[in-house]
Amino acid sequence: MVVKIKILALTLVMFSGCTPEYVPSLDLDSEQPEIISPTGDPNGNVGELEATFLSSKNKFTFSESSMSSDTFSVSYVSTAQNFDVFKWVFEGGYVSNTGSSTTSSGTTIVEGNINDPNTSSQIGVLVEYRDGFGRYDVTHAVANSASFDVNTKSDYVAYEYLDNLKVRNTSNPNGWINNSALWYSPSDTSTTTFSVCENSIVGFFDNDDFTLVEPIEISKEFSNFGLSKKNLIFEYKIDFIVLPTISNNLKRISLGYTPNLSSTSSVTIESGELWSNSSNESTEFRQVIIPLPLISNFNLSFTKYPSVINADGRQAYPFNVCLRNIKIVPSE
């Protein structure tokens, strides 16, 4: 979401001989806190303003399920015109040049004047983010003699978990545990036959003799995700090999969650179900967003269930399950 505020102050000119006096008129009823205001300098720039800026890469992801607070940097440069003074507000950001910046409660404010050689270079600034997992707002504000503009971009910088969809093996020791060996990663040659599930981890509908009657599961442990609010987001698709002719409301896929307590705890907590689907439709990919408990360490599991078993002991309506774009992101 982009919040824009643009106010052009009225100029009241009073004549006393030949000397003009500038009196700015501001909207005192504005609900937006005053970040910047017109300078009132009769020798300053005039005209409308737009606090535009450019940045380097501002979206970052990690795929390790044990989260580390990696440091990353984003560079910013103002592309505004006709301004005299400027201000940056970086939530969660830090700058190395402290001459014109202040940091409080994890937010850094940088301000300067284009006519001041000590601060004018800060129209371009390199910001370091050290707090890891999260989303951070950026505000840029500019002002001249008679007007100002404030540009706030919410959640502009993001550091989030994006799963690599790998099943565990010798080359991927941190992948999803796949005891049934019937889930396949996108890179596996076996998934070349699943063209409808491109770029997905796929739960296959059967084993070699087509008599699979047990659920198949993948699971992964997540750690160090903090106690802040977070959502699990993923897309799924049920790809029927044989479409059901009747509605039986059998569970197709479910998502399980288990909190991991400290190793000293004597309490054992069983896995709970956060979500399931019993659709009989052959669907396109659908997105699911689920709030996760405020726990730092936990296990997630996806379970694919068999269909109705026919008289021959085989699944009557076999189907594949496809999962992709599995993410854990901060929430409000």
Protein backbone atom coordinates (compact mmCIF):
# COMPACT_ATOMS: atom_id res chain seq x y z
CA MET A 1 0.00 0.00 0.00
CA VAL A 2 1.29 3.44 -0.92
CA VAL A 3 0.20 6.40 1.18
CA LYS A 4 0.55 9.76 -0.50
CA ILE A 5 0.06 13.18 1.09
CA LYS A 6 0.43 16.30 -0.97
CA ILE A 7 -0.24 19.78 0.43
CA LEU A 8 0.45 23.04 -1.33
CA ALA A 9 0.56 25.87 1.16
CA LEU A 10 -1.01 29.17 0.20
CA THR A 11 1.24 32.18 -0.11
CA LEU A 12 0.03 35.37 1.52
CA VAL A 13 2.06 38.34 0.35
CA MET A 14 2.01 41.53 2.45
CA PHE A 15 3.63 44.69 1.17
CA SER A 16 5.68 46.95 3.39
CA GLY A 17 7.68 49.06 1.00
CA CYS A 18 9.16 46.48 -1.40
CA THR A 19 9.85 43.65 1.12
CA PRO A 20 7.59 40.56 0.80
CA GLU A 21 6.78 38.43 3.82
CA TYR A 22 5.99 34.71 3.35
CA VAL A 23 3.35 33.27 5.67
CA PRO A 24 2.75 29.49 5.18
CA SER A 25 -0.77 28.15 5.73
CA LEU A 26 -0.88 24.48 6.70
CA ASP A 27 -3.73 22.02 7.08
CA LEU A 28 -3.81 21.73 10.87
CA ASP A 29 -6.55 19.11 10.73
CA SER A 30 -4.43 16.57 8.88
CA GLU A 31 -4.40 13.18 10.63
CA GLN A 32 -0.91 12.40 9.31
CA PRO A 33 1.84 13.27 11.81
CA GLU A 34 4.04 16.08 10.56
CA ILE A 35 7.11 14.46 9.02
CA ILE A 36 8.26 17.50 7.07
CA SER A 37 6.91 20.98 6.35
CA PRO A 38 7.55 23.84 3.90
CA THR A 39 10.70 25.79 4.67
CA GLY A 40 9.17 29.23 4.16
CA ASP A 41 12.44 30.36 2.59
CA PRO A 42 11.66 33.08 -0.02
CA ASN A 43 14.86 32.08 -1.83
CA GLY A 44 13.97 28.39 -1.91
CA ASN A 45 12.50 26.27 -4.67
CA VAL A 46 8.78 26.49 -5.40
CA GLY A 47 6.22 24.39 -7.25
CA GLU A 48 4.53 21.05 -6.74
CA LEU A 49 6.51 18.12 -5.38
CA GLU A 50 6.41 14.35 -5.64
CA ALA A 51 8.57 12.36 -3.20
CA THR A 52 9.57 9.60 -5.60
CA PHE A 53 12.54 7.32 -5.14
CA LEU A 54 14.26 4.26 -6.53
CA SER A 55 15.87 1.36 -4.68
CA SER A 56 17.93 -1.72 -5.29
CA LYS A 57 16.46 -5.18 -4.61
CA ASN A 58 14.06 -4.92 -1.68
CA LYS A 59 12.51 -8.41 -1.42
CA PHE A 60 14.64 -11.15 0.14
CA THR A 61 13.85 -14.80 0.84
CA PHE A 62 15.59 -17.68 2.60
CA SER A 63 14.93 -21.40 2.27
CA GLU A 64 16.63 -22.79 5.37
CA SER A 65 13.98 -23.98 7.81
CA SER A 66 16.21 -22.98 10.72
CA MET A 67 16.02 -19.22 10.39
CA SER A 68 19.09 -17.05 10.85
CA SER A 69 19.03 -13.27 11.13
CA ASP A 70 21.05 -12.51 8.04
CA THR A 71 22.05 -8.93 7.36
CA PHE A 72 21.17 -7.45 3.98
CA SER A 73 21.38 -3.98 2.45
CA VAL A 74 19.15 -1.85 0.24
CA SER A 75 20.29 1.32 -1.51
CA TYR A 76 17.87 4.22 -2.04
CA VAL A 77 18.04 7.38 -4.14
CA SER A 78 15.56 10.24 -4.36
CA THR A 79 14.20 11.06 -7.80
CA ALA A 80 12.18 14.07 -6.60
CA GLN A 81 12.55 17.51 -8.19
CA ASN A 82 12.21 21.14 -6.96
CA PHE A 83 12.90 20.35 -3.29
CA ASP A 84 15.23 21.95 -0.76
CA VAL A 85 15.03 19.65 2.26
CA PHE A 86 14.36 15.92 2.49
CA LYS A 87 13.85 13.15 5.00
CA TRP A 88 14.03 9.34 4.98
CA VAL A 89 12.41 7.09 7.58
CA PHE A 90 13.61 3.47 7.54
CA GLU A 91 11.75 1.03 9.76
CA GLY A 92 14.18 -1.70 10.87
CA GLY A 93 17.04 -0.06 8.96
CA TYR A 94 20.45 1.30 9.97
CA VAL A 95 22.89 3.60 8.16
CA SER A 96 26.63 3.92 8.72
CA ASN A 97 26.73 7.70 8.31
CA THR A 98 25.41 9.06 11.61
CA GLY A 99 26.03 12.74 10.90
CA SER A 100 22.47 13.43 9.73
CA SER A 101 20.68 10.36 11.05
CA THR A 102 19.13 9.20 14.30
CA THR A 103 18.02 5.69 15.27
CA SER A 104 15.41 4.94 17.89
CA SER A 105 13.47 1.72 18.59
CA GLY A 106 14.79 0.14 15.38
CA THR A 107 13.77 3.03 13.11
CA THR A 108 16.35 5.31 11.48
CA ILE A 109 15.59 8.86 10.33
CA VAL A 110 17.90 10.54 7.82
CA GLU A 111 17.38 14.19 6.91
CA GLY A 112 19.25 16.82 4.96
CA ASN A 113 19.32 19.92 2.79
CA ILE A 114 20.48 19.92 -0.81
CA ASN A 115 22.31 23.20 -0.18
CA ASP A 116 24.23 21.78 2.79
CA PRO A 117 27.38 19.94 1.65
CA ASN A 118 27.38 17.95 4.91
CA THR A 119 23.97 16.37 4.27
CA SER A 120 23.12 16.81 0.58
CA SER A 121 24.68 13.48 -0.35
CA GLN A 122 22.06 11.69 1.74
CA ILE A 123 19.54 11.95 -1.08
CA GLY A 124 21.17 8.61 -1.85
CA VAL A 125 21.66 6.29 1.11
CA LEU A 126 22.66 2.68 1.79
CA VAL A 127 20.54 1.05 4.50
CA GLU A 128 21.42 -2.13 6.38
CA TYR A 129 18.71 -4.40 7.77
CA ARG A 130 19.83 -6.59 10.68
CA ASP A 131 16.62 -7.82 12.29
CA GLY A 132 15.97 -10.63 9.80
CA PHE A 133 12.48 -12.11 9.31
CA GLY A 134 9.98 -9.30 8.80
CA ARG A 135 8.51 -6.58 6.62
CA TYR A 136 9.58 -2.97 6.90
CA ASP A 137 8.07 0.37 5.87
CA VAL A 138 9.97 3.10 4.03
CA THR A 139 9.02 6.79 3.99
CA HIS A 140 10.54 9.52 1.83
CA ALA A 141 9.53 13.17 2.30
CA VAL A 142 10.60 16.34 0.50
CA ALA A 143 9.76 20.03 0.92
CA ASN A 144 10.52 23.37 -0.66
CA SER A 145 9.58 26.93 0.14
CA ALA A 146 5.83 26.48 -0.24
CA SER A 147 4.92 22.79 -0.37
CA PHE A 148 5.83 19.28 0.72
CA ASP A 149 5.11 15.68 -0.20
CA VAL A 150 5.29 12.46 1.83
CA ASN A 151 5.54 9.02 0.24
CA THR A 152 5.13 6.01 2.57
CA LYS A 153 5.43 2.49 1.19
CA SER A 154 4.21 -0.09 3.67
CA ASP A 155 6.03 -3.45 3.83
CA TYR A 156 8.37 -2.20 1.11
CA VAL A 157 11.30 -4.30 2.35
CA ALA A 158 10.63 -7.96 3.11
CA TYR A 159 12.67 -10.89 4.44
CA GLU A 160 10.57 -14.08 4.29
CA TYR A 161 10.76 -17.87 4.11
CA LEU A 162 10.26 -19.46 0.67
CA ASP A 163 10.44 -23.25 0.58
CA ASN A 164 12.70 -24.85 -2.02
CA LEU A 165 10.29 -27.83 -2.37
CA LYS A 166 13.06 -30.40 -1.90
CA VAL A 167 12.43 -33.82 -0.38
CA ARG A 168 15.09 -35.11 1.98
CA ASN A 169 17.89 -37.21 0.52
CA THR A 170 21.68 -37.33 0.71
CA SER A 171 22.05 -34.17 -1.36
CA ASN A 172 19.22 -32.35 0.48
CA PRO A 173 19.53 -33.28 4.17
CA ASN A 174 17.25 -30.42 5.21
CA GLY A 175 14.41 -31.25 2.82
CA TRP A 176 10.95 -32.55 3.61
CA ILE A 177 10.99 -35.98 5.30
CA ASN A 178 9.45 -38.37 2.78
CA ASN A 179 9.20 -41.80 4.35
CA SER A 180 6.76 -43.13 1.74
CA ALA A 181 9.09 -42.10 -1.11
CA LEU A 182 5.94 -41.08 -3.02
CA TRP A 183 6.46 -37.32 -2.87
CA TYR A 184 8.60 -35.85 -5.63
CA SER A 185 10.49 -32.58 -5.88
CA PRO A 186 10.28 -30.42 -9.03
CA SER A 187 13.88 -31.30 -9.86
CA ASP A 188 13.25 -35.05 -9.73
CA THR A 189 13.04 -36.72 -13.13
CA SER A 190 9.89 -38.49 -11.95
CA THR A 191 7.97 -35.22 -12.01
CA THR A 192 8.44 -34.76 -15.75
CA THR A 193 5.22 -36.72 -16.18
CA PHE A 194 3.32 -34.24 -13.97
CA SER A 195 3.04 -31.39 -16.47
CA VAL A 196 -0.10 -30.11 -14.71
CA CYS A 197 1.95 -29.64 -11.53
CA GLU A 198 4.91 -27.71 -12.83
CA ASN A 199 7.20 -26.22 -10.16
CA SER A 200 5.45 -28.20 -7.43
CA ILE A 201 6.23 -30.87 -4.91
CA VAL A 202 3.92 -33.73 -5.89
CA GLY A 203 2.29 -36.45 -3.81
CA PHE A 204 1.87 -39.36 -6.23
CA PHE A 205 -1.43 -41.23 -6.31
CA ASP A 206 -0.11 -44.79 -6.02
CA ASN A 207 2.79 -47.19 -5.70
CA ASP A 208 4.02 -49.56 -8.39
CA ASP A 209 1.24 -52.12 -8.00
CA PHE A 210 -1.55 -49.52 -7.60
CA THR A 211 -2.71 -50.93 -4.26
CA LEU A 212 -1.75 -48.01 -1.98
CA VAL A 213 -4.38 -47.63 0.73
CA GLU A 214 -2.43 -45.68 3.39
CA PRO A 215 -1.92 -41.91 3.65
CA ILE A 216 1.45 -40.54 2.56
CA GLU A 217 3.07 -37.67 4.43
CA ILE A 218 5.89 -35.15 4.16
CA SER A 219 7.06 -33.18 7.18
CA LYS A 220 9.66 -30.57 8.07
CA GLU A 221 10.97 -29.00 11.27
CA PHE A 222 11.12 -25.20 11.52
CA SER A 223 13.12 -23.38 14.18
CA ASN A 224 14.07 -19.87 15.33
CA PHE A 225 11.06 -18.19 13.71
CA GLY A 226 10.46 -15.98 16.73
CA LEU A 227 7.27 -15.19 18.62
CA SER A 228 5.89 -12.59 16.22
CA LYS A 229 2.71 -13.07 14.18
CA LYS A 230 3.22 -15.07 11.00
CA ASN A 231 1.21 -16.75 8.26
CA LEU A 232 1.80 -19.92 6.30
CA ILE A 233 0.92 -19.41 2.64
CA PHE A 234 0.83 -22.13 0.00
CA GLU A 235 -0.91 -23.11 -3.22
CA TYR A 236 -2.37 -26.56 -3.82
CA LYS A 237 -4.03 -28.47 -6.61
CA ILE A 238 -5.85 -31.81 -6.64
CA ASP A 239 -5.16 -33.55 -9.94
CA PHE A 240 -7.61 -36.44 -10.41
CA ILE A 241 -6.57 -39.30 -12.65
CA VAL A 242 -10.18 -40.56 -12.56
CA LEU A 243 -12.86 -38.03 -11.62
CA PRO A 244 -15.22 -39.16 -8.83
CA THR A 245 -18.76 -39.85 -10.01
CA ILE A 246 -20.27 -39.24 -6.58
CA SER A 247 -19.54 -36.93 -3.68
CA ASN A 248 -18.09 -38.88 -0.76
CA ASN A 249 -16.54 -36.03 1.29
CA LEU A 250 -13.39 -38.02 1.89
CA LYS A 251 -10.38 -36.02 3.00
CA ARG A 252 -7.90 -35.43 0.16
CA ILE A 253 -5.13 -33.50 1.85
CA SER A 254 -4.46 -32.01 5.28
CA LEU A 255 -1.94 -29.77 7.00
CA GLY A 256 -0.63 -30.79 10.40
CA TYR A 257 1.14 -28.66 13.02
CA THR A 258 3.16 -29.71 16.05
CA PRO A 259 4.84 -27.23 18.42
CA ASN A 260 8.35 -28.22 19.45
CA LEU A 261 8.87 -27.70 23.15
CA SER A 262 12.26 -27.42 24.82
CA SER A 263 14.24 -30.62 25.18
CA THR A 264 13.85 -30.39 28.98
CA SER A 265 10.07 -30.55 28.84
CA SER A 266 8.36 -33.79 29.83
CA VAL A 267 5.16 -32.84 28.00
CA THR A 268 4.42 -34.52 24.68
CA ILE A 269 2.10 -32.69 22.27
CA GLU A 270 0.42 -34.55 19.46
CA SER A 271 0.13 -33.08 15.99
CA GLY A 272 -2.96 -30.98 15.36
CA GLU A 273 -4.70 -30.30 12.07
CA LEU A 274 -4.69 -26.70 10.84
CA TRP A 275 -6.44 -27.27 7.50
CA SER A 276 -7.84 -29.96 5.21
CA ASN A 277 -9.63 -30.29 1.88
CA SER A 278 -12.26 -32.78 0.74
CA SER A 279 -12.97 -31.42 -2.72
CA ASN A 280 -14.21 -33.72 -5.46
CA GLU A 281 -13.32 -31.21 -8.14
CA SER A 282 -10.31 -31.24 -10.38
CA THR A 283 -9.15 -27.74 -9.59
CA GLU A 284 -6.71 -25.11 -10.65
CA PHE A 285 -4.16 -24.02 -8.07
CA ARG A 286 -5.73 -22.34 -5.07
CA GLN A 287 -3.99 -20.29 -2.41
CA VAL A 288 -4.37 -20.95 1.32
CA ILE A 289 -3.36 -18.49 4.07
CA ILE A 290 -3.22 -19.83 7.62
CA PRO A 291 -2.15 -17.93 10.76
CA LEU A 292 0.47 -19.91 12.67
CA PRO A 293 0.65 -20.04 16.48
CA LEU A 294 3.06 -17.63 18.17
CA ILE A 295 5.70 -20.32 18.67
CA SER A 296 9.29 -20.18 17.45
CA ASN A 297 9.90 -23.91 16.83
CA PHE A 298 7.40 -26.24 15.18
CA ASN A 299 6.81 -29.03 12.67
CA LEU A 300 4.62 -28.81 9.60
CA SER A 301 3.30 -31.81 7.69
CA PHE A 302 1.21 -32.34 4.56
CA THR A 303 -0.71 -35.61 4.31
CA LYS A 304 -2.27 -36.99 1.12
CA TYR A 305 -5.03 -39.57 1.61
CA PRO A 306 -6.08 -42.43 -0.69
CA SER A 307 -9.39 -42.41 -2.49
CA VAL A 308 -12.21 -44.92 -2.13
CA ILE A 309 -10.94 -48.48 -2.57
CA ASN A 310 -12.74 -50.57 -5.17
CA ALA A 311 -13.51 -54.31 -5.16
CA ASP A 312 -10.06 -55.07 -6.57
CA GLY A 313 -8.36 -53.39 -3.61
CA ARG A 314 -7.27 -50.41 -5.65
CA GLN A 315 -8.12 -46.73 -5.49
CA ALA A 316 -11.28 -46.04 -7.45
CA TYR A 317 -10.55 -42.36 -8.05
CA PRO A 318 -6.77 -41.88 -7.83
CA PHE A 319 -5.35 -38.37 -7.74
CA ASN A 320 -2.10 -36.48 -7.28
CA VAL A 321 -1.63 -33.56 -4.90
CA CYS A 322 0.55 -30.66 -6.00
CA LEU A 323 2.00 -28.03 -3.61
CA ARG A 324 3.92 -24.92 -4.54
CA ASN A 325 4.86 -21.41 -3.34
CA ILE A 326 5.09 -22.56 0.29
CA LYS A 327 5.99 -19.45 2.32
CA ILE A 328 6.08 -18.25 5.91
CA VAL A 329 5.62 -14.49 6.07
CA PRO A 330 5.12 -11.90 8.83
CA SER A 331 1.51 -10.88 9.43
CA GLU A 332 -0.14 -7.81 10.95
